[in-house]
């Protein structure tokens, strides 16, 4: 039993997996923050482009069935 505990204490193979998991979690939080920070400007650019396309195709802006 002592040998099993001694091997468990010396074994560091799980530490690498935990470190990679922590790095992955940090990367996720950074990406999420960046997406939230640029979401407003991205939406504005998309809406401007869609309005230009709609006007170029002769859309009157009345919606469907109007």
PDB file of N, CA and C in Angstrom:
ATOM      1  N   UNK A   1       0.829  -1.198   0.000  1.00  0.00           N
ATOM      2  CA  UNK A   1       0.000   0.000   0.000  1.00  0.00           C
ATOM      3  C   UNK A   1       0.869   1.255   0.000  1.00  0.00           C
ATOM      4  N   UNK A   2       1.948   1.220   0.783  1.00  0.00           N
ATOM      5  CA  UNK A   2       2.850   2.381   0.821  1.00  0.00           C
ATOM      6  C   UNK A   2       3.469   2.641  -0.552  1.00  0.00           C
ATOM      7  N   UNK A   3       3.830   1.580  -1.240  1.00  0.00           N
ATOM      8  CA  UNK A   3       4.429   1.734  -2.567  1.00  0.00           C
ATOM      9  C   UNK A   3       3.434   2.367  -3.540  1.00  0.00           C
ATOM     10  N   UNK A   4       2.179   2.011  -3.454  1.00  0.00           N
ATOM     11  CA  UNK A   4       1.145   2.584  -4.315  1.00  0.00           C
ATOM     12  C   UNK A   4       1.010   4.080  -4.055  1.00  0.00           C
ATOM     13  N   UNK A   5       0.984   4.475  -2.795  1.00  0.00           N
ATOM     14  CA  UNK A   5       0.881   5.893  -2.449  1.00  0.00           C
ATOM     15  C   UNK A   5       2.135   6.629  -2.906  1.00  0.00           C
ATOM     16  N   UNK A   6       3.287   6.033  -2.727  1.00  0.00           N
ATOM     17  CA  UNK A   6       4.544   6.661  -3.124  1.00  0.00           C
ATOM     18  C   UNK A   6       4.579   6.880  -4.643  1.00  0.00           C
ATOM     19  N   UNK A   7       4.124   5.885  -5.418  1.00  0.00           N
ATOM     20  CA  UNK A   7       4.072   6.033  -6.876  1.00  0.00           C
ATOM     21  C   UNK A   7       3.079   7.116  -7.289  1.00  0.00           C
ATOM     22  N   UNK A   8       1.950   7.176  -6.593  1.00  0.00           N
ATOM     23  CA  UNK A   8       0.925   8.175  -6.910  1.00  0.00           C
ATOM     24  C   UNK A   8       1.460   9.588  -6.670  1.00  0.00           C
ATOM     25  N   UNK A   9       2.203   9.783  -5.601  1.00  0.00           N
ATOM     26  CA  UNK A   9       2.745  11.103  -5.280  1.00  0.00           C
ATOM     27  C   UNK A   9       3.808  11.516  -6.294  1.00  0.00           C
ATOM     28  N   UNK A  10       4.622  10.568  -6.761  1.00  0.00           N
ATOM     29  CA  UNK A  10       5.695  10.884  -7.712  1.00  0.00           C
ATOM     30  C   UNK A  10       5.203  11.016  -9.146  1.00  0.00           C
ATOM     31  N   UNK A  11       4.051  10.454  -9.466  1.00  0.00           N
ATOM     32  CA  UNK A  11       3.540  10.461 -10.841  1.00  0.00           C
ATOM     33  C   UNK A  11       3.075  11.861 -11.219  1.00  0.00           C
ATOM     34  N   UNK A  12       3.637  12.425 -12.291  1.00  0.00           N
ATOM     35  CA  UNK A  12       3.277  13.769 -12.740  1.00  0.00           C
ATOM     36  C   UNK A  12       2.611  13.767 -14.113  1.00  0.00           C
ATOM     37  N   UNK A  13       2.195  12.613 -14.598  1.00  0.00           N
ATOM     38  CA  UNK A  13       1.619  12.550 -15.938  1.00  0.00           C
ATOM     39  C   UNK A  13       0.288  13.290 -16.028  1.00  0.00           C
ATOM     40  N   UNK A  14      -0.482  13.332 -14.952  1.00  0.00           N
ATOM     41  CA  UNK A  14      -1.751  14.054 -14.975  1.00  0.00           C
ATOM     42  C   UNK A  14      -1.582  15.553 -14.894  1.00  0.00           C
ATOM     43  N   UNK A  15      -0.441  16.012 -14.381  1.00  0.00           N
ATOM     44  CA  UNK A  15      -0.203  17.448 -14.245  1.00  0.00           C
ATOM     45  C   UNK A  15      -0.179  18.125 -15.611  1.00  0.00           C
ATOM     46  N   UNK A  16       0.390  17.476 -16.608  1.00  0.00           N
ATOM     47  CA  UNK A  16       0.450  18.055 -17.943  1.00  0.00           C
ATOM     48  C   UNK A  16      -0.949  18.227 -18.513  1.00  0.00           C
ATOM     49  N   UNK A  17      -1.804  17.251 -18.331  1.00  0.00           N
ATOM     50  CA  UNK A  17      -3.178  17.340 -18.832  1.00  0.00           C
ATOM     51  C   UNK A  17      -3.917  18.490 -18.144  1.00  0.00           C
ATOM     52  N   UNK A  18      -3.706  18.663 -16.860  1.00  0.00           N
ATOM     53  CA  UNK A  18      -4.352  19.753 -16.133  1.00  0.00           C
ATOM     54  C   UNK A  18      -3.841  21.101 -16.638  1.00  0.00           C
ATOM     55  N   UNK A  19      -2.538  21.206 -16.876  1.00  0.00           N
ATOM     56  CA  UNK A  19      -1.983  22.458 -17.396  1.00  0.00           C
ATOM     57  C   UNK A  19      -2.551  22.786 -18.768  1.00  0.00           C
ATOM     58  N   UNK A  20      -2.644  21.786 -19.642  1.00  0.00           N
ATOM     59  CA  UNK A  20      -3.224  22.030 -20.959  1.00  0.00           C
ATOM     60  C   UNK A  20      -4.695  22.431 -20.830  1.00  0.00           C
ATOM     61  N   UNK A  21      -5.402  21.842 -19.919  1.00  0.00           N
ATOM     62  CA  UNK A  21      -6.792  22.218 -19.697  1.00  0.00           C
ATOM     63  C   UNK A  21      -6.931  23.656 -19.227  1.00  0.00           C
ATOM     64  N   UNK A  22      -6.032  24.087 -18.345  1.00  0.00           N
ATOM     65  CA  UNK A  22      -6.067  25.466 -17.867  1.00  0.00           C
ATOM     66  C   UNK A  22      -5.727  26.446 -18.986  1.00  0.00           C
ATOM     67  N   UNK A  23      -4.762  26.103 -19.824  1.00  0.00           N
ATOM     68  CA  UNK A  23      -4.403  26.962 -20.958  1.00  0.00           C
ATOM     69  C   UNK A  23      -5.574  27.054 -21.932  1.00  0.00           C
ATOM     70  N   UNK A  24      -6.216  25.933 -22.195  1.00  0.00           N
ATOM     71  CA  UNK A  24      -7.367  25.921 -23.094  1.00  0.00           C
ATOM     72  C   UNK A  24      -8.502  26.782 -22.546  1.00  0.00           C
ATOM     73  N   UNK A  25      -8.758  26.684 -21.245  1.00  0.00           N
ATOM     74  CA  UNK A  25      -9.794  27.511 -20.617  1.00  0.00           C
ATOM     75  C   UNK A  25      -9.473  28.990 -20.714  1.00  0.00           C
ATOM     76  N   UNK A  26      -8.203  29.358 -20.502  1.00  0.00           N
ATOM     77  CA  UNK A  26      -7.791  30.754 -20.608  1.00  0.00           C
ATOM     78  C   UNK A  26      -7.956  31.258 -22.042  1.00  0.00           C
ATOM     79  N   UNK A  27      -7.580  30.435 -23.017  1.00  0.00           N
ATOM     80  CA  UNK A  27      -7.744  30.826 -24.411  1.00  0.00           C
ATOM     81  C   UNK A  27      -9.217  31.037 -24.746  1.00  0.00           C
ATOM     82  N   UNK A  28     -10.082  30.178 -24.221  1.00  0.00           N
ATOM     83  CA  UNK A  28     -11.519  30.317 -24.455  1.00  0.00           C
ATOM     84  C   UNK A  28     -12.022  31.645 -23.911  1.00  0.00           C
ATOM     85  N   UNK A  29     -11.577  32.014 -22.698  1.00  0.00           N
ATOM     86  CA  UNK A  29     -12.027  33.269 -22.099  1.00  0.00           C
ATOM     87  C   UNK A  29     -11.535  34.474 -22.892  1.00  0.00           C
ATOM     88  N   UNK A  30     -10.312  34.418 -23.400  1.00  0.00           N
ATOM     89  CA  UNK A  30      -9.774  35.521 -24.201  1.00  0.00           C
ATOM     90  C   UNK A  30     -10.561  35.656 -25.506  1.00  0.00           C
ATOM     91  N   UNK A  31     -10.833  34.542 -26.160  1.00  0.00           N
ATOM     92  CA  UNK A  31     -11.601  34.577 -27.413  1.00  0.00           C
ATOM     93  C   UNK A  31     -13.014  35.091 -27.159  1.00  0.00           C
ATOM     94  N   UNK A  32     -13.639  34.638 -26.087  1.00  0.00           N
ATOM     95  CA  UNK A  32     -14.984  35.094 -25.749  1.00  0.00           C
ATOM     96  C   UNK A  32     -14.996  36.595 -25.491  1.00  0.00           C
ATOM     97  N   UNK A  33     -14.008  37.093 -24.776  1.00  0.00           N
ATOM     98  CA  UNK A  33     -13.915  38.529 -24.526  1.00  0.00           C
ATOM     99  C   UNK A  33     -13.720  39.319 -25.802  1.00  0.00           C
ATOM    100  N   UNK A  34     -12.894  38.818 -26.711  1.00  0.00           N
ATOM    101  CA  UNK A  34     -12.663  39.513 -27.979  1.00  0.00           C
ATOM    102  C   UNK A  34     -13.930  39.540 -28.825  1.00  0.00           C
ATOM    103  N   UNK A  35     -14.651  38.437 -28.852  1.00  0.00           N
ATOM    104  CA  UNK A  35     -15.899  38.392 -29.629  1.00  0.00           C
ATOM    105  C   UNK A  35     -16.901  39.388 -29.072  1.00  0.00           C
ATOM    106  N   UNK A  36     -17.015  39.458 -27.754  1.00  0.00           N
ATOM    107  CA  UNK A  36     -17.953  40.405 -27.149  1.00  0.00           C
ATOM    108  C   UNK A  36     -17.511  41.848 -27.385  1.00  0.00           C
ATOM    109  N   UNK A  37     -16.210  42.095 -27.367  1.00  0.00           N
ATOM    110  CA  UNK A  37     -15.715  43.451 -27.552  1.00  0.00           C
ATOM    111  C   UNK A  37     -15.974  43.966 -28.966  1.00  0.00           C
ATOM    112  N   UNK A  38     -15.869  43.083 -29.967  1.00  0.00           N
ATOM    113  CA  UNK A  38     -16.021  43.508 -31.351  1.00  0.00           C
ATOM    114  C   UNK A  38     -17.381  43.160 -31.945  1.00  0.00           C
ATOM    115  N   UNK A  39     -18.303  42.664 -31.154  1.00  0.00           N
ATOM    116  CA  UNK A  39     -19.606  42.247 -31.681  1.00  0.00           C
ATOM    117  C   UNK A  39     -20.403  43.435 -32.207  1.00  0.00           C
ATOM    118  N   UNK A  40     -20.381  44.540 -31.496  1.00  0.00           N
ATOM    119  CA  UNK A  40     -21.157  45.710 -31.913  1.00  0.00           C
ATOM    120  C   UNK A  40     -20.695  46.262 -33.244  1.00  0.00           C
ATOM    121  N   UNK A  41     -19.398  46.425 -33.421  1.00  0.00           N
ATOM    122  CA  UNK A  41     -18.889  46.966 -34.685  1.00  0.00           C
ATOM    123  C   UNK A  41     -19.094  45.972 -35.815  1.00  0.00           C
ATOM    124  N   UNK A  42     -18.966  44.695 -35.522  1.00  0.00           N
ATOM    125  CA  UNK A  42     -19.185  43.677 -36.541  1.00  0.00           C
ATOM    126  C   UNK A  42     -20.627  43.660 -37.015  1.00  0.00           C
ATOM    127  N   UNK A  43     -21.549  43.829 -36.092  1.00  0.00           N
ATOM    128  CA  UNK A  43     -22.970  43.866 -36.449  1.00  0.00           C
ATOM    129  C   UNK A  43     -23.271  45.095 -37.289  1.00  0.00           C
ATOM    130  N   UNK A  44     -22.671  46.232 -36.931  1.00  0.00           N
ATOM    131  CA  UNK A  44     -22.879  47.462 -37.701  1.00  0.00           C
ATOM    132  C   UNK A  44     -22.369  47.333 -39.123  1.00  0.00           C
ATOM    133  N   UNK A  45     -21.209  46.742 -39.290  1.00  0.00           N
ATOM    134  CA  UNK A  45     -20.640  46.541 -40.629  1.00  0.00           C
ATOM    135  C   UNK A  45     -21.534  45.606 -41.439  1.00  0.00           C
ATOM    136  N   UNK A  46     -22.017  44.535 -40.817  1.00  0.00           N
ATOM    137  CA  UNK A  46     -22.890  43.589 -41.512  1.00  0.00           C
ATOM    138  C   UNK A  46     -24.193  44.269 -41.935  1.00  0.00           C
ATOM    139  N   UNK A  47     -24.783  45.049 -41.036  1.00  0.00           N
ATOM    140  CA  UNK A  47     -26.045  45.732 -41.364  1.00  0.00           C
ATOM    141  C   UNK A  47     -25.844  46.736 -42.503  1.00  0.00           C
ATOM    142  N   UNK A  48     -24.719  47.450 -42.501  1.00  0.00           N
ATOM    143  CA  UNK A  48     -24.425  48.400 -43.579  1.00  0.00           C
ATOM    144  C   UNK A  48     -24.295  47.669 -44.916  1.00  0.00           C
ATOM    145  N   UNK A  49     -23.584  46.548 -44.909  1.00  0.00           N
ATOM    146  CA  UNK A  49     -23.412  45.779 -46.141  1.00  0.00           C
ATOM    147  C   UNK A  49     -24.745  45.226 -46.636  1.00  0.00           C
ATOM    148  N   UNK A  50     -25.573  44.745 -45.739  1.00  0.00           N
ATOM    149  CA  UNK A  50     -26.870  44.201 -46.156  1.00  0.00           C
ATOM    150  C   UNK A  50     -27.785  45.289 -46.691  1.00  0.00           C
ATOM    151  N   UNK A  51     -27.724  46.471 -46.098  1.00  0.00           N
ATOM    152  CA  UNK A  51     -28.528  47.585 -46.609  1.00  0.00           C
ATOM    153  C   UNK A  51     -28.078  47.976 -48.009  1.00  0.00           C
ATOM    154  N   UNK A  52     -26.753  47.989 -48.228  1.00  0.00           N
ATOM    155  CA  UNK A  52     -26.234  48.323 -49.550  1.00  0.00           C
ATOM    156  C   UNK A  52     -26.656  47.281 -50.576  1.00  0.00           C
ATOM    157  N   UNK A  53     -26.597  46.011 -50.208  1.00  0.00           N
ATOM    158  CA  UNK A  53     -27.029  44.947 -51.122  1.00  0.00           C
ATOM    159  C   UNK A  53     -28.525  45.046 -51.416  1.00  0.00           C
ATOM    160  N   UNK A  54     -29.289  45.320 -50.392  1.00  0.00           N
ATOM    161  CA  UNK A  54     -30.747  45.449 -50.565  1.00  0.00           C
ATOM    162  C   UNK A  54     -31.069  46.608 -51.494  1.00  0.00           C
ATOM    163  N   UNK A  55     -30.377  47.728 -51.315  1.00  0.00           N
ATOM    164  CA  UNK A  55     -30.613  48.883 -52.196  1.00  0.00           C
ATOM    165  C   UNK A  55     -30.157  48.587 -53.620  1.00  0.00           C
ATOM    166  N   UNK A  56     -29.059  47.874 -53.781  1.00  0.00           N
ATOM    167  CA  UNK A  56     -28.548  47.559 -55.103  1.00  0.00           C
ATOM    168  C   UNK A  56     -29.488  46.620 -55.853  1.00  0.00           C
ATOM    169  N   UNK A  57     -30.196  45.768 -55.114  1.00  0.00           N
ATOM    170  CA  UNK A  57     -31.119  44.828 -55.752  1.00  0.00           C
ATOM    171  C   UNK A  57     -32.501  45.455 -55.930  1.00  0.00           C
ATOM    172  N   UNK A  58     -32.663  46.704 -55.549  1.00  0.00           N
ATOM    173  CA  UNK A  58     -33.921  47.403 -55.789  1.00  0.00           C
ATOM    174  C   UNK A  58     -34.933  47.199 -54.682  1.00  0.00           C
ATOM    175  N   UNK A  59     -34.477  46.786 -53.526  1.00  0.00           N
ATOM    176  CA  UNK A  59     -35.399  46.587 -52.394  1.00  0.00           C
ATOM    177  C   UNK A  59     -35.867  47.922 -51.856  1.00  0.00           C
ATOM    178  N   UNK A  60     -37.151  47.978 -51.542  1.00  0.00           N
ATOM    179  CA  UNK A  60     -37.704  49.228 -51.035  1.00  0.00           C
ATOM    180  C   UNK A  60     -37.654  49.337 -49.528  1.00  0.00           C
ATOM    181  N   UNK A  61     -37.294  48.264 -48.838  1.00  0.00           N
ATOM    182  CA  UNK A  61     -37.239  48.319 -47.392  1.00  0.00           C
ATOM    183  C   UNK A  61     -38.586  48.084 -46.728  1.00  0.00           C
ATOM    184  N   UNK A  62     -39.588  47.683 -47.484  1.00  0.00           N
ATOM    185  CA  UNK A  62     -40.918  47.472 -46.915  1.00  0.00           C
ATOM    186  C   UNK A  62     -41.109  46.139 -46.245  1.00  0.00           C
ATOM    187  N   UNK A  63     -40.155  45.241 -46.389  1.00  0.00           N
ATOM    188  CA  UNK A  63     -40.294  43.927 -45.775  1.00  0.00           C
ATOM    189  C   UNK A  63     -41.013  42.970 -46.707  1.00  0.00           C
ATOM    190  N   UNK A  64     -41.268  41.776 -46.193  1.00  0.00           N
ATOM    191  CA  UNK A  64     -41.944  40.764 -47.016  1.00  0.00           C
ATOM    192  C   UNK A  64     -43.425  41.058 -47.125  1.00  0.00           C
ATOM    193  N   UNK A  65     -43.937  40.920 -48.321  1.00  0.00           N
ATOM    194  CA  UNK A  65     -45.372  41.039 -48.547  1.00  0.00           C
ATOM    195  C   UNK A  65     -45.880  42.469 -48.497  1.00  0.00           C
ATOM    196  N   UNK A  66     -44.999  43.436 -48.418  1.00  0.00           N
ATOM    197  CA  UNK A  66     -45.439  44.816 -48.341  1.00  0.00           C
ATOM    198  C   UNK A  66     -45.579  45.440 -49.697  1.00  0.00           C
TER     199      UNK A  66
END
